[in-house]
């Protein structure tokens, strides 16, 4: 009897010690996890993490805008000479588009005046369809020009009428021919001229309308050059080309110098960015979708994630020993 009592007492003491060990281990684990969670969720650490994340986001956006956001021009304002006057171009507004009647008149000015020296190498005939002319009108204009065909079986290259897929032909065969016809000066291509000059539309409009009758007193112009205060160095090889009544518009608009300059500048702006209308439409669609996603994210944060984030889970361990102690 005495041995049985001693054995039972030893078992009871062992179970008690194991229960106390497990309880101590659970309490240590719980305290360490609570300490870690309190340390991770302390206000200072959360504020610091949020501040760092915000600073990184703002810095990355500023860096991206510095690289790609601002307008890039081929020349600086200091190299441009007299600063061009700022004009209220309607198509530069966010919700406005090109005046397509002005584009049609501008193409007429380019074709009758500017195309004798300047090219539009990046503009195909098909780009004019729906923007300045109808399909039949553009086909008729394209067929007025001849383009080289592929070599035949004998290696000879024949001529064919132009198609909508062809690009608007240049006035000269190559740069050497252009220089020879213009006293050594190379007329630039006008496809991207609005984007290639500081001031854009304002610069080109001021340039082609800024020829004075005579140079100011004391100004010497090199032979073969013309004075224009808006051109770098004030000496430009191109003479004044726009005069009142130079062209006859189809819609009977008075062909004043400023009107022709305004129309051709707007056309050159379109040639440099023919996708402007689509870009503005995409921007509006992006704003609409972004606002909808913002509202949806706020709803999810408020009604779905917030209860899960703020709820408190409490674990109450069972009172007493383990399964073995309950069995005795």
C-alpha atoms as a PDB file:
ATOM      1  CA  UNK A   1       0.000   0.000   0.000  1.00  0.00           C
ATOM      2  CA  UNK A   2       2.734   2.346   0.910  1.00  0.00           C
ATOM      3  CA  UNK A   3       4.530   1.703  -2.403  1.00  0.00           C
ATOM      4  CA  UNK A   4       1.374   2.327  -4.410  1.00  0.00           C
ATOM      5  CA  UNK A   5       0.719   5.586  -2.590  1.00  0.00           C
ATOM      6  CA  UNK A   6       4.295   6.740  -3.201  1.00  0.00           C
ATOM      7  CA  UNK A   7       4.056   5.843  -6.916  1.00  0.00           C
ATOM      8  CA  UNK A   8       0.739   7.681  -7.297  1.00  0.00           C
ATOM      9  CA  UNK A   9       2.181  10.736  -5.562  1.00  0.00           C
ATOM     10  CA  UNK A  10       5.215  10.703  -7.857  1.00  0.00           C
ATOM     11  CA  UNK A  11       2.991  10.547 -10.958  1.00  0.00           C
ATOM     12  CA  UNK A  12       0.857  13.410  -9.696  1.00  0.00           C
ATOM     13  CA  UNK A  13       3.927  15.516  -9.019  1.00  0.00           C
ATOM     14  CA  UNK A  14       5.317  14.765 -12.514  1.00  0.00           C
ATOM     15  CA  UNK A  15       2.055  15.747 -14.183  1.00  0.00           C
ATOM     16  CA  UNK A  16       1.943  18.941 -12.185  1.00  0.00           C
ATOM     17  CA  UNK A  17       5.507  19.811 -13.175  1.00  0.00           C
ATOM     18  CA  UNK A  18       4.796  19.135 -16.880  1.00  0.00           C
ATOM     19  CA  UNK A  19       1.619  21.232 -16.730  1.00  0.00           C
ATOM     20  CA  UNK A  20       3.501  24.080 -15.110  1.00  0.00           C
ATOM     21  CA  UNK A  21       6.212  23.782 -17.783  1.00  0.00           C
ATOM     22  CA  UNK A  22       3.702  23.959 -20.638  1.00  0.00           C
ATOM     23  CA  UNK A  23       1.912  26.878 -19.036  1.00  0.00           C
ATOM     24  CA  UNK A  24       5.174  28.736 -18.584  1.00  0.00           C
ATOM     25  CA  UNK A  25       6.127  28.026 -22.192  1.00  0.00           C
ATOM     26  CA  UNK A  26       2.750  29.292 -23.462  1.00  0.00           C
ATOM     27  CA  UNK A  27       2.987  32.390 -21.324  1.00  0.00           C
ATOM     28  CA  UNK A  28       6.540  33.065 -22.572  1.00  0.00           C
ATOM     29  CA  UNK A  29       5.496  32.594 -26.193  1.00  0.00           C
ATOM     30  CA  UNK A  30       2.440  34.768 -25.702  1.00  0.00           C
ATOM     31  CA  UNK A  31       4.438  37.490 -23.999  1.00  0.00           C
ATOM     32  CA  UNK A  32       7.113  37.448 -26.709  1.00  0.00           C
ATOM     33  CA  UNK A  33       4.510  37.613 -29.493  1.00  0.00           C
ATOM     34  CA  UNK A  34       2.656  40.391 -27.701  1.00  0.00           C
ATOM     35  CA  UNK A  35       5.907  42.294 -27.263  1.00  0.00           C
ATOM     36  CA  UNK A  36       6.752  41.839 -30.928  1.00  0.00           C
ATOM     37  CA  UNK A  37       3.290  42.931 -32.046  1.00  0.00           C
ATOM     38  CA  UNK A  38       3.365  45.938 -29.734  1.00  0.00           C
ATOM     39  CA  UNK A  39       6.827  46.830 -31.012  1.00  0.00           C
ATOM     40  CA  UNK A  40       5.737  46.495 -34.645  1.00  0.00           C
ATOM     41  CA  UNK A  41       2.524  48.439 -34.120  1.00  0.00           C
ATOM     42  CA  UNK A  42       3.993  51.257 -32.064  1.00  0.00           C
ATOM     43  CA  UNK A  43       2.866  54.718 -33.245  1.00  0.00           C
ATOM     44  CA  UNK A  44       6.418  55.922 -33.872  1.00  0.00           C
ATOM     45  CA  UNK A  45       7.332  52.993 -36.108  1.00  0.00           C
ATOM     46  CA  UNK A  46       4.075  53.229 -38.061  1.00  0.00           C
ATOM     47  CA  UNK A  47       4.525  56.974 -38.541  1.00  0.00           C
ATOM     48  CA  UNK A  48       8.117  56.543 -39.636  1.00  0.00           C
ATOM     49  CA  UNK A  49       7.225  53.772 -42.106  1.00  0.00           C
ATOM     50  CA  UNK A  50       4.369  55.832 -43.554  1.00  0.00           C
ATOM     51  CA  UNK A  51       6.586  58.901 -43.853  1.00  0.00           C
ATOM     52  CA  UNK A  52       9.334  56.967 -45.618  1.00  0.00           C
ATOM     53  CA  UNK A  53       6.835  55.352 -48.018  1.00  0.00           C
ATOM     54  CA  UNK A  54       5.270  58.744 -48.806  1.00  0.00           C
ATOM     55  CA  UNK A  55       8.677  60.331 -49.366  1.00  0.00           C
ATOM     56  CA  UNK A  56       9.681  57.523 -51.712  1.00  0.00           C
ATOM     57  CA  UNK A  57       6.423  57.835 -53.665  1.00  0.00           C
ATOM     58  CA  UNK A  58       6.719  61.611 -54.035  1.00  0.00           C
ATOM     59  CA  UNK A  59      10.388  61.338 -54.925  1.00  0.00           C
ATOM     60  CA  UNK A  60       9.773  58.707 -57.590  1.00  0.00           C
ATOM     61  CA  UNK A  61       6.984  60.794 -59.140  1.00  0.00           C
ATOM     62  CA  UNK A  62       9.190  63.901 -59.143  1.00  0.00           C
ATOM     63  CA  UNK A  63      12.043  61.955 -60.696  1.00  0.00           C
ATOM     64  CA  UNK A  64       9.761  60.550 -63.398  1.00  0.00           C
ATOM     65  CA  UNK A  65       8.394  64.024 -64.181  1.00  0.00           C
ATOM     66  CA  UNK A  66      11.945  65.391 -64.351  1.00  0.00           C
ATOM     67  CA  UNK A  67      12.850  62.739 -66.931  1.00  0.00           C
ATOM     68  CA  UNK A  68       9.692  62.473 -69.018  1.00  0.00           C
ATOM     69  CA  UNK A  69       7.063  64.958 -67.854  1.00  0.00           C
ATOM     70  CA  UNK A  70       8.351  68.355 -68.902  1.00  0.00           C
ATOM     71  CA  UNK A  71       8.368  69.407 -72.538  1.00  0.00           C
ATOM     72  CA  UNK A  72      11.654  68.856 -74.308  1.00  0.00           C
ATOM     73  CA  UNK A  73      12.734  71.290 -77.002  1.00  0.00           C
ATOM     74  CA  UNK A  74      15.693  71.268 -79.323  1.00  0.00           C
ATOM     75  CA  UNK A  75      16.839  74.734 -78.233  1.00  0.00           C
ATOM     76  CA  UNK A  76      16.794  76.732 -75.034  1.00  0.00           C
ATOM     77  CA  UNK A  77      15.038  80.035 -74.573  1.00  0.00           C
ATOM     78  CA  UNK A  78      18.351  81.937 -74.472  1.00  0.00           C
ATOM     79  CA  UNK A  79      19.299  80.584 -77.904  1.00  0.00           C
ATOM     80  CA  UNK A  80      15.959  81.503 -79.442  1.00  0.00           C
ATOM     81  CA  UNK A  81      16.502  85.238 -79.601  1.00  0.00           C
ATOM     82  CA  UNK A  82      13.439  87.402 -78.986  1.00  0.00           C
ATOM     83  CA  UNK A  83      10.886  85.532 -76.923  1.00  0.00           C
ATOM     84  CA  UNK A  84       7.708  84.736 -78.814  1.00  0.00           C
ATOM     85  CA  UNK A  85       4.378  86.183 -77.734  1.00  0.00           C
ATOM     86  CA  UNK A  86       2.012  83.801 -75.970  1.00  0.00           C
ATOM     87  CA  UNK A  87      -1.186  83.313 -77.980  1.00  0.00           C
ATOM     88  CA  UNK A  88      -4.421  81.627 -76.796  1.00  0.00           C
ATOM     89  CA  UNK A  89      -4.374  78.538 -79.002  1.00  0.00           C
ATOM     90  CA  UNK A  90      -7.717  76.813 -78.655  1.00  0.00           C
ATOM     91  CA  UNK A  91      -6.415  73.296 -79.286  1.00  0.00           C
ATOM     92  CA  UNK A  92      -4.008  73.511 -76.344  1.00  0.00           C
ATOM     93  CA  UNK A  93      -6.886  73.471 -73.854  1.00  0.00           C
ATOM     94  CA  UNK A  94      -7.561  70.182 -72.101  1.00  0.00           C
ATOM     95  CA  UNK A  95     -11.106  69.700 -73.372  1.00  0.00           C
ATOM     96  CA  UNK A  96     -10.652  71.230 -76.823  1.00  0.00           C
ATOM     97  CA  UNK A  97      -9.601  69.733 -80.136  1.00  0.00           C
ATOM     98  CA  UNK A  98      -8.217  70.999 -83.418  1.00  0.00           C
ATOM     99  CA  UNK A  99     -10.279  73.264 -85.646  1.00  0.00           C
ATOM    100  CA  UNK A 100     -10.423  70.893 -88.612  1.00  0.00           C
ATOM    101  CA  UNK A 101     -11.483  73.639 -90.983  1.00  0.00           C
ATOM    102  CA  UNK A 102      -8.341  75.511 -89.952  1.00  0.00           C
ATOM    103  CA  UNK A 103      -6.334  72.322 -90.538  1.00  0.00           C
ATOM    104  CA  UNK A 104      -7.714  72.135 -94.067  1.00  0.00           C
ATOM    105  CA  UNK A 105      -6.788  75.770 -94.727  1.00  0.00           C
ATOM    106  CA  UNK A 106      -3.366  75.218 -93.156  1.00  0.00           C
ATOM    107  CA  UNK A 107      -2.652  72.281 -95.437  1.00  0.00           C
ATOM    108  CA  UNK A 108      -3.631  74.456 -98.392  1.00  0.00           C
ATOM    109  CA  UNK A 109      -1.111  77.092 -97.267  1.00  0.00           C
ATOM    110  CA  UNK A 110       1.573  74.446 -96.844  1.00  0.00           C
ATOM    111  CA  UNK A 111       0.844  72.900-100.225  1.00  0.00           C
ATOM    112  CA  UNK A 112       0.745  76.169-102.145  1.00  0.00           C
ATOM    113  CA  UNK A 113       3.494  78.049-100.283  1.00  0.00           C
ATOM    114  CA  UNK A 114       5.662  75.995 -97.951  1.00  0.00           C
ATOM    115  CA  UNK A 115       5.955  72.746 -99.916  1.00  0.00           C
ATOM    116  CA  UNK A 116       8.194  74.397-102.520  1.00  0.00           C
ATOM    117  CA  UNK A 117      11.073  74.239-100.004  1.00  0.00           C
ATOM    118  CA  UNK A 118       9.992  72.259 -96.921  1.00  0.00           C
ATOM    119  CA  UNK A 119       9.026  68.610 -96.647  1.00  0.00           C
ATOM    120  CA  UNK A 120       6.639  66.576 -94.484  1.00  0.00           C
ATOM    121  CA  UNK A 121       8.508  63.302 -94.558  1.00  0.00           C
ATOM    122  CA  UNK A 122       6.687  61.763 -91.593  1.00  0.00           C
ATOM    123  CA  UNK A 123       3.130  62.352 -92.790  1.00  0.00           C
ATOM    124  CA  UNK A 124       1.454  59.804 -95.117  1.00  0.00           C
ATOM    125  CA  UNK A 125      -1.476  60.738 -97.302  1.00  0.00           C
ATOM    126  CA  UNK A 126      -3.776  58.472 -95.280  1.00  0.00           C
ATOM    127  CA  UNK A 127      -3.253  60.614 -92.178  1.00  0.00           C
ATOM    128  CA  UNK A 128      -5.141  63.450 -93.843  1.00  0.00           C
ATOM    129  CA  UNK A 129      -8.288  61.341 -94.247  1.00  0.00           C
ATOM    130  CA  UNK A 130     -10.890  62.404 -91.707  1.00  0.00           C
ATOM    131  CA  UNK A 131      -8.747  65.260 -90.411  1.00  0.00           C
ATOM    132  CA  UNK A 132      -8.503  67.680 -93.318  1.00  0.00           C
ATOM    133  CA  UNK A 133     -10.012  65.959 -96.377  1.00  0.00           C
ATOM    134  CA  UNK A 134     -12.211  63.094 -97.467  1.00  0.00           C
ATOM    135  CA  UNK A 135     -10.921  59.799 -98.830  1.00  0.00           C
ATOM    136  CA  UNK A 136     -11.617  60.741-102.453  1.00  0.00           C
ATOM    137  CA  UNK A 137      -9.908  64.114-102.098  1.00  0.00           C
ATOM    138  CA  UNK A 138      -6.786  62.596-100.569  1.00  0.00           C
ATOM    139  CA  UNK A 139      -6.671  59.857-103.232  1.00  0.00           C
ATOM    140  CA  UNK A 140      -6.855  62.490-105.964  1.00  0.00           C
ATOM    141  CA  UNK A 141      -4.003  64.493-104.402  1.00  0.00           C
ATOM    142  CA  UNK A 142      -1.871  61.374-103.942  1.00  0.00           C
ATOM    143  CA  UNK A 143      -2.367  60.301-107.558  1.00  0.00           C
ATOM    144  CA  UNK A 144      -0.991  63.627-108.741  1.00  0.00           C
ATOM    145  CA  UNK A 145       2.473  62.459-107.633  1.00  0.00           C
ATOM    146  CA  UNK A 146       4.594  59.632-108.986  1.00  0.00           C
ATOM    147  CA  UNK A 147       6.445  57.102-106.856  1.00  0.00           C
ATOM    148  CA  UNK A 148       9.004  54.426-107.660  1.00  0.00           C
ATOM    149  CA  UNK A 149       7.797  50.841-107.980  1.00  0.00           C
ATOM    150  CA  UNK A 150       9.685  47.679-107.102  1.00  0.00           C
ATOM    151  CA  UNK A 151      12.291  46.573-109.680  1.00  0.00           C
ATOM    152  CA  UNK A 152      10.801  44.365-112.387  1.00  0.00           C
ATOM    153  CA  UNK A 153      12.317  41.183-113.800  1.00  0.00           C
ATOM    154  CA  UNK A 154      14.784  43.234-115.810  1.00  0.00           C
ATOM    155  CA  UNK A 155      15.805  45.367-112.825  1.00  0.00           C
ATOM    156  CA  UNK A 156      14.138  48.506-114.070  1.00  0.00           C
ATOM    157  CA  UNK A 157      12.194  50.786-111.730  1.00  0.00           C
ATOM    158  CA  UNK A 158       9.020  52.225-113.158  1.00  0.00           C
ATOM    159  CA  UNK A 159       6.779  55.011-111.934  1.00  0.00           C
ATOM    160  CA  UNK A 160       3.268  54.627-110.529  1.00  0.00           C
ATOM    161  CA  UNK A 161       0.595  57.015-109.232  1.00  0.00           C
ATOM    162  CA  UNK A 162       0.596  57.693-105.530  1.00  0.00           C
ATOM    163  CA  UNK A 163      -1.549  55.790-103.016  1.00  0.00           C
ATOM    164  CA  UNK A 164      -2.915  56.559 -99.582  1.00  0.00           C
ATOM    165  CA  UNK A 165      -0.127  54.529 -97.986  1.00  0.00           C
ATOM    166  CA  UNK A 166       2.577  56.698 -99.590  1.00  0.00           C
ATOM    167  CA  UNK A 167       4.171  59.576 -97.744  1.00  0.00           C
ATOM    168  CA  UNK A 168       3.881  63.168 -98.885  1.00  0.00           C
ATOM    169  CA  UNK A 169       6.797  63.670-101.303  1.00  0.00           C
ATOM    170  CA  UNK A 170       9.645  66.046-100.542  1.00  0.00           C
ATOM    171  CA  UNK A 171      10.350  68.969-102.903  1.00  0.00           C
ATOM    172  CA  UNK A 172      13.965  67.828-103.459  1.00  0.00           C
ATOM    173  CA  UNK A 173      15.510  64.439-104.113  1.00  0.00           C
ATOM    174  CA  UNK A 174      18.156  64.796-101.395  1.00  0.00           C
ATOM    175  CA  UNK A 175      19.763  67.306 -99.040  1.00  0.00           C
ATOM    176  CA  UNK A 176      22.436  68.322-101.546  1.00  0.00           C
ATOM    177  CA  UNK A 177      19.815  69.314-104.083  1.00  0.00           C
ATOM    178  CA  UNK A 178      17.964  71.295-101.420  1.00  0.00           C
ATOM    179  CA  UNK A 179      21.109  73.169-100.427  1.00  0.00           C
ATOM    180  CA  UNK A 180      21.992  73.904-104.029  1.00  0.00           C
ATOM    181  CA  UNK A 181      18.554  75.431-104.620  1.00  0.00           C
ATOM    182  CA  UNK A 182      18.654  77.574-101.469  1.00  0.00           C
ATOM    183  CA  UNK A 183      22.132  79.141-101.521  1.00  0.00           C
ATOM    184  CA  UNK A 184      23.625  76.491 -99.250  1.00  0.00           C
ATOM    185  CA  UNK A 185      20.848  76.560 -96.635  1.00  0.00           C
ATOM    186  CA  UNK A 186      18.975  73.328 -95.904  1.00  0.00           C
ATOM    187  CA  UNK A 187      15.217  73.886 -95.396  1.00  0.00           C
ATOM    188  CA  UNK A 188      14.221  71.764 -92.378  1.00  0.00           C
ATOM    189  CA  UNK A 189      11.503  69.136 -92.438  1.00  0.00           C
ATOM    190  CA  UNK A 190       8.301  70.498 -90.890  1.00  0.00           C
ATOM    191  CA  UNK A 191       6.796  67.247 -89.613  1.00  0.00           C
ATOM    192  CA  UNK A 192       7.932  67.811 -86.008  1.00  0.00           C
ATOM    193  CA  UNK A 193       8.883  71.474 -86.178  1.00  0.00           C
ATOM    194  CA  UNK A 194       6.363  72.541 -83.529  1.00  0.00           C
ATOM    195  CA  UNK A 195       7.900  70.084 -81.064  1.00  0.00           C
ATOM    196  CA  UNK A 196      11.465  70.857 -82.114  1.00  0.00           C
ATOM    197  CA  UNK A 197      11.479  74.559 -81.271  1.00  0.00           C
ATOM    198  CA  UNK A 198      11.198  76.292 -77.927  1.00  0.00           C
ATOM    199  CA  UNK A 199       7.844  78.020 -77.810  1.00  0.00           C
ATOM    200  CA  UNK A 200       6.158  75.660 -80.250  1.00  0.00           C
ATOM    201  CA  UNK A 201       3.238  77.277 -82.044  1.00  0.00           C
ATOM    202  CA  UNK A 202       3.999  80.705 -80.609  1.00  0.00           C
ATOM    203  CA  UNK A 203       7.553  80.655 -81.960  1.00  0.00           C
ATOM    204  CA  UNK A 204       6.605  79.590 -85.492  1.00  0.00           C
ATOM    205  CA  UNK A 205       3.730  82.090 -85.687  1.00  0.00           C
ATOM    206  CA  UNK A 206       5.974  84.902 -84.450  1.00  0.00           C
ATOM    207  CA  UNK A 207       8.731  83.867 -86.833  1.00  0.00           C
ATOM    208  CA  UNK A 208       6.707  83.864 -90.047  1.00  0.00           C
ATOM    209  CA  UNK A 209       4.877  87.067 -89.133  1.00  0.00           C
ATOM    210  CA  UNK A 210       7.860  88.877 -87.584  1.00  0.00           C
ATOM    211  CA  UNK A 211       9.667  90.124 -90.696  1.00  0.00           C
ATOM    212  CA  UNK A 212      10.009  93.924 -90.527  1.00  0.00           C
ATOM    213  CA  UNK A 213      10.037  96.065 -93.641  1.00  0.00           C
ATOM    214  CA  UNK A 214      13.651  97.017 -92.964  1.00  0.00           C
ATOM    215  CA  UNK A 215      16.214  95.974 -90.337  1.00  0.00           C
ATOM    216  CA  UNK A 216      16.502  98.306 -87.335  1.00  0.00           C
ATOM    217  CA  UNK A 217      19.128 101.041 -87.568  1.00  0.00           C
ATOM    218  CA  UNK A 218      22.595  99.792 -86.744  1.00  0.00           C
ATOM    219  CA  UNK A 219      21.827  96.126 -87.449  1.00  0.00           C
ATOM    220  CA  UNK A 220      23.976  94.509 -90.107  1.00  0.00           C
ATOM    221  CA  UNK A 221      22.623  91.462 -91.872  1.00  0.00           C
ATOM    222  CA  UNK A 222      24.971  89.093 -93.673  1.00  0.00           C
ATOM    223  CA  UNK A 223      24.541  88.764 -97.434  1.00  0.00           C
ATOM    224  CA  UNK A 224      21.908  86.223 -98.389  1.00  0.00           C
ATOM    225  CA  UNK A 225      20.157  86.463 -95.005  1.00  0.00           C
ATOM    226  CA  UNK A 226      17.024  88.268 -93.851  1.00  0.00           C
ATOM    227  CA  UNK A 227      16.478  90.001 -90.541  1.00  0.00           C
ATOM    228  CA  UNK A 228      14.037  88.361 -88.140  1.00  0.00           C
ATOM    229  CA  UNK A 229      14.253  89.140 -84.410  1.00  0.00           C
ATOM    230  CA  UNK A 230      12.726  85.787 -83.430  1.00  0.00           C
ATOM    231  CA  UNK A 231      15.361  83.690 -85.188  1.00  0.00           C
ATOM    232  CA  UNK A 232      18.610  82.850 -83.340  1.00  0.00           C
ATOM    233  CA  UNK A 233      21.176  85.407 -84.429  1.00  0.00           C
ATOM    234  CA  UNK A 234      18.426  87.420 -86.173  1.00  0.00           C
ATOM    235  CA  UNK A 235      19.724  86.328 -89.585  1.00  0.00           C
ATOM    236  CA  UNK A 236      17.603  83.752 -91.428  1.00  0.00           C
ATOM    237  CA  UNK A 237      17.974  82.443 -94.980  1.00  0.00           C
ATOM    238  CA  UNK A 238      14.210  82.203 -95.520  1.00  0.00           C
ATOM    239  CA  UNK A 239      12.663  85.427 -96.707  1.00  0.00           C
ATOM    240  CA  UNK A 240       9.147  86.534 -95.934  1.00  0.00           C
ATOM    241  CA  UNK A 241       6.728  84.229 -97.736  1.00  0.00           C
ATOM    242  CA  UNK A 242       3.243  85.207 -96.494  1.00  0.00           C
ATOM    243  CA  UNK A 243       1.462  88.245 -97.853  1.00  0.00           C
ATOM    244  CA  UNK A 244      -2.169  89.259 -97.789  1.00  0.00           C
ATOM    245  CA  UNK A 245      -4.206  87.490-100.448  1.00  0.00           C
ATOM    246  CA  UNK A 246      -1.450  85.035-101.351  1.00  0.00           C
ATOM    247  CA  UNK A 247      -3.876  82.082-101.380  1.00  0.00           C
ATOM    248  CA  UNK A 248      -7.599  81.850-102.006  1.00  0.00           C
ATOM    249  CA  UNK A 249      -9.360  79.793 -99.382  1.00  0.00           C
ATOM    250  CA  UNK A 250     -12.139  77.448-100.443  1.00  0.00           C
ATOM    251  CA  UNK A 251     -14.407  78.634 -97.616  1.00  0.00           C
ATOM    252  CA  UNK A 252     -13.861  82.296 -98.592  1.00  0.00           C
ATOM    253  CA  UNK A 253     -12.008  83.123 -95.362  1.00  0.00           C
ATOM    254  CA  UNK A 254      -9.991  86.356 -95.805  1.00  0.00           C
ATOM    255  CA  UNK A 255      -6.412  85.254 -96.494  1.00  0.00           C
ATOM    256  CA  UNK A 256      -4.585  87.805 -94.391  1.00  0.00           C
ATOM    257  CA  UNK A 257      -1.001  87.222 -93.320  1.00  0.00           C
ATOM    258  CA  UNK A 258      -1.957  86.482 -89.724  1.00  0.00           C
ATOM    259  CA  UNK A 259      -4.818  84.195 -90.800  1.00  0.00           C
ATOM    260  CA  UNK A 260      -2.573  82.136 -93.085  1.00  0.00           C
ATOM    261  CA  UNK A 261       0.107  81.971 -90.400  1.00  0.00           C
ATOM    262  CA  UNK A 262      -2.403  80.843 -87.795  1.00  0.00           C
ATOM    263  CA  UNK A 263      -3.819  78.133 -90.073  1.00  0.00           C
ATOM    264  CA  UNK A 264      -0.469  76.721 -91.183  1.00  0.00           C
ATOM    265  CA  UNK A 265       0.857  76.733 -87.597  1.00  0.00           C
ATOM    266  CA  UNK A 266      -2.185  74.802 -86.404  1.00  0.00           C
ATOM    267  CA  UNK A 267      -1.697  72.341 -89.251  1.00  0.00           C
ATOM    268  CA  UNK A 268       1.975  71.890 -88.301  1.00  0.00           C
ATOM    269  CA  UNK A 269       0.916  71.288 -84.707  1.00  0.00           C
ATOM    270  CA  UNK A 270      -1.403  68.558 -85.941  1.00  0.00           C
ATOM    271  CA  UNK A 271       1.365  67.035 -88.083  1.00  0.00           C
ATOM    272  CA  UNK A 272       3.629  66.903 -85.023  1.00  0.00           C
ATOM    273  CA  UNK A 273       0.914  65.305 -82.869  1.00  0.00           C
ATOM    274  CA  UNK A 274      -1.898  63.798 -84.958  1.00  0.00           C
ATOM    275  CA  UNK A 275      -2.914  61.574 -82.032  1.00  0.00           C
ATOM    276  CA  UNK A 276      -3.737  64.522 -79.739  1.00  0.00           C
ATOM    277  CA  UNK A 277      -7.489  63.907 -79.810  1.00  0.00           C
ATOM    278  CA  UNK A 278      -7.066  60.242 -78.896  1.00  0.00           C
ATOM    279  CA  UNK A 279      -4.619  61.172 -76.146  1.00  0.00           C
ATOM    280  CA  UNK A 280      -7.060  63.609 -74.570  1.00  0.00           C
ATOM    281  CA  UNK A 281      -9.902  61.074 -74.772  1.00  0.00           C
ATOM    282  CA  UNK A 282      -7.697  58.468 -73.138  1.00  0.00           C
ATOM    283  CA  UNK A 283      -6.808  60.954 -70.408  1.00  0.00           C
ATOM    284  CA  UNK A 284     -10.480  61.567 -69.615  1.00  0.00           C
ATOM    285  CA  UNK A 285     -11.150  57.819 -69.571  1.00  0.00           C
ATOM    286  CA  UNK A 286      -8.173  57.310 -67.254  1.00  0.00           C
ATOM    287  CA  UNK A 287      -9.484  59.927 -64.830  1.00  0.00           C
ATOM    288  CA  UNK A 288     -12.942  58.314 -64.798  1.00  0.00           C
ATOM    289  CA  UNK A 289     -11.559  54.826 -64.189  1.00  0.00           C
ATOM    290  CA  UNK A 290      -9.126  56.069 -61.534  1.00  0.00           C
ATOM    291  CA  UNK A 291     -11.869  57.843 -59.590  1.00  0.00           C
ATOM    292  CA  UNK A 292     -14.056  54.733 -59.736  1.00  0.00           C
ATOM    293  CA  UNK A 293     -11.208  52.574 -58.448  1.00  0.00           C
ATOM    294  CA  UNK A 294     -10.500  55.119 -55.721  1.00  0.00           C
ATOM    295  CA  UNK A 295     -14.120  54.979 -54.552  1.00  0.00           C
ATOM    296  CA  UNK A 296     -14.057  51.176 -54.636  1.00  0.00           C
ATOM    297  CA  UNK A 297     -10.827  51.010 -52.655  1.00  0.00           C
ATOM    298  CA  UNK A 298     -12.240  53.356 -49.991  1.00  0.00           C
ATOM    299  CA  UNK A 299     -15.349  51.171 -49.718  1.00  0.00           C
ATOM    300  CA  UNK A 300     -13.266  48.023 -49.349  1.00  0.00           C
ATOM    301  CA  UNK A 301     -11.066  49.690 -46.748  1.00  0.00           C
ATOM    302  CA  UNK A 302     -14.021  50.975 -44.781  1.00  0.00           C
ATOM    303  CA  UNK A 303     -16.360  47.988 -44.775  1.00  0.00           C
ATOM    304  CA  UNK A 304     -14.171  44.945 -45.474  1.00  0.00           C
ATOM    305  CA  UNK A 305     -10.646  45.451 -44.212  1.00  0.00           C
ATOM    306  CA  UNK A 306     -11.277  47.825 -41.315  1.00  0.00           C
ATOM    307  CA  UNK A 307     -13.232  45.283 -39.152  1.00  0.00           C
ATOM    308  CA  UNK A 308     -10.573  42.644 -39.744  1.00  0.00           C
ATOM    309  CA  UNK A 309      -7.777  45.042 -38.921  1.00  0.00           C
ATOM    310  CA  UNK A 310      -9.317  46.401 -35.720  1.00  0.00           C
ATOM    311  CA  UNK A 311     -10.753  43.206 -34.218  1.00  0.00           C
ATOM    312  CA  UNK A 312      -9.077  41.687 -31.171  1.00  0.00           C
ATOM    313  CA  UNK A 313      -8.525  37.927 -30.813  1.00  0.00           C
ATOM    314  CA  UNK A 314      -8.094  36.658 -27.237  1.00  0.00           C
ATOM    315  CA  UNK A 315      -6.965  33.128 -26.407  1.00  0.00           C
ATOM    316  CA  UNK A 316      -8.078  31.756 -23.038  1.00  0.00           C
ATOM    317  CA  UNK A 317      -6.101  28.610 -22.150  1.00  0.00           C
ATOM    318  CA  UNK A 318      -8.005  25.833 -20.352  1.00  0.00           C
ATOM    319  CA  UNK A 319      -7.975  25.942 -16.545  1.00  0.00           C
ATOM    320  CA  UNK A 320      -6.144  23.097 -14.859  1.00  0.00           C
ATOM    321  CA  UNK A 321      -3.688  20.505 -16.116  1.00  0.00           C
ATOM    322  CA  UNK A 322      -3.414  18.713 -19.414  1.00  0.00           C
ATOM    323  CA  UNK A 323      -5.417  15.674 -20.630  1.00  0.00           C
ATOM    324  CA  UNK A 324      -3.510  13.310 -18.402  1.00  0.00           C
ATOM    325  CA  UNK A 325      -4.253  15.250 -15.249  1.00  0.00           C
ATOM    326  CA  UNK A 326      -7.973  15.350 -16.061  1.00  0.00           C
ATOM    327  CA  UNK A 327      -8.018  11.557 -16.481  1.00  0.00           C
ATOM    328  CA  UNK A 328      -6.869  10.929 -12.877  1.00  0.00           C
END
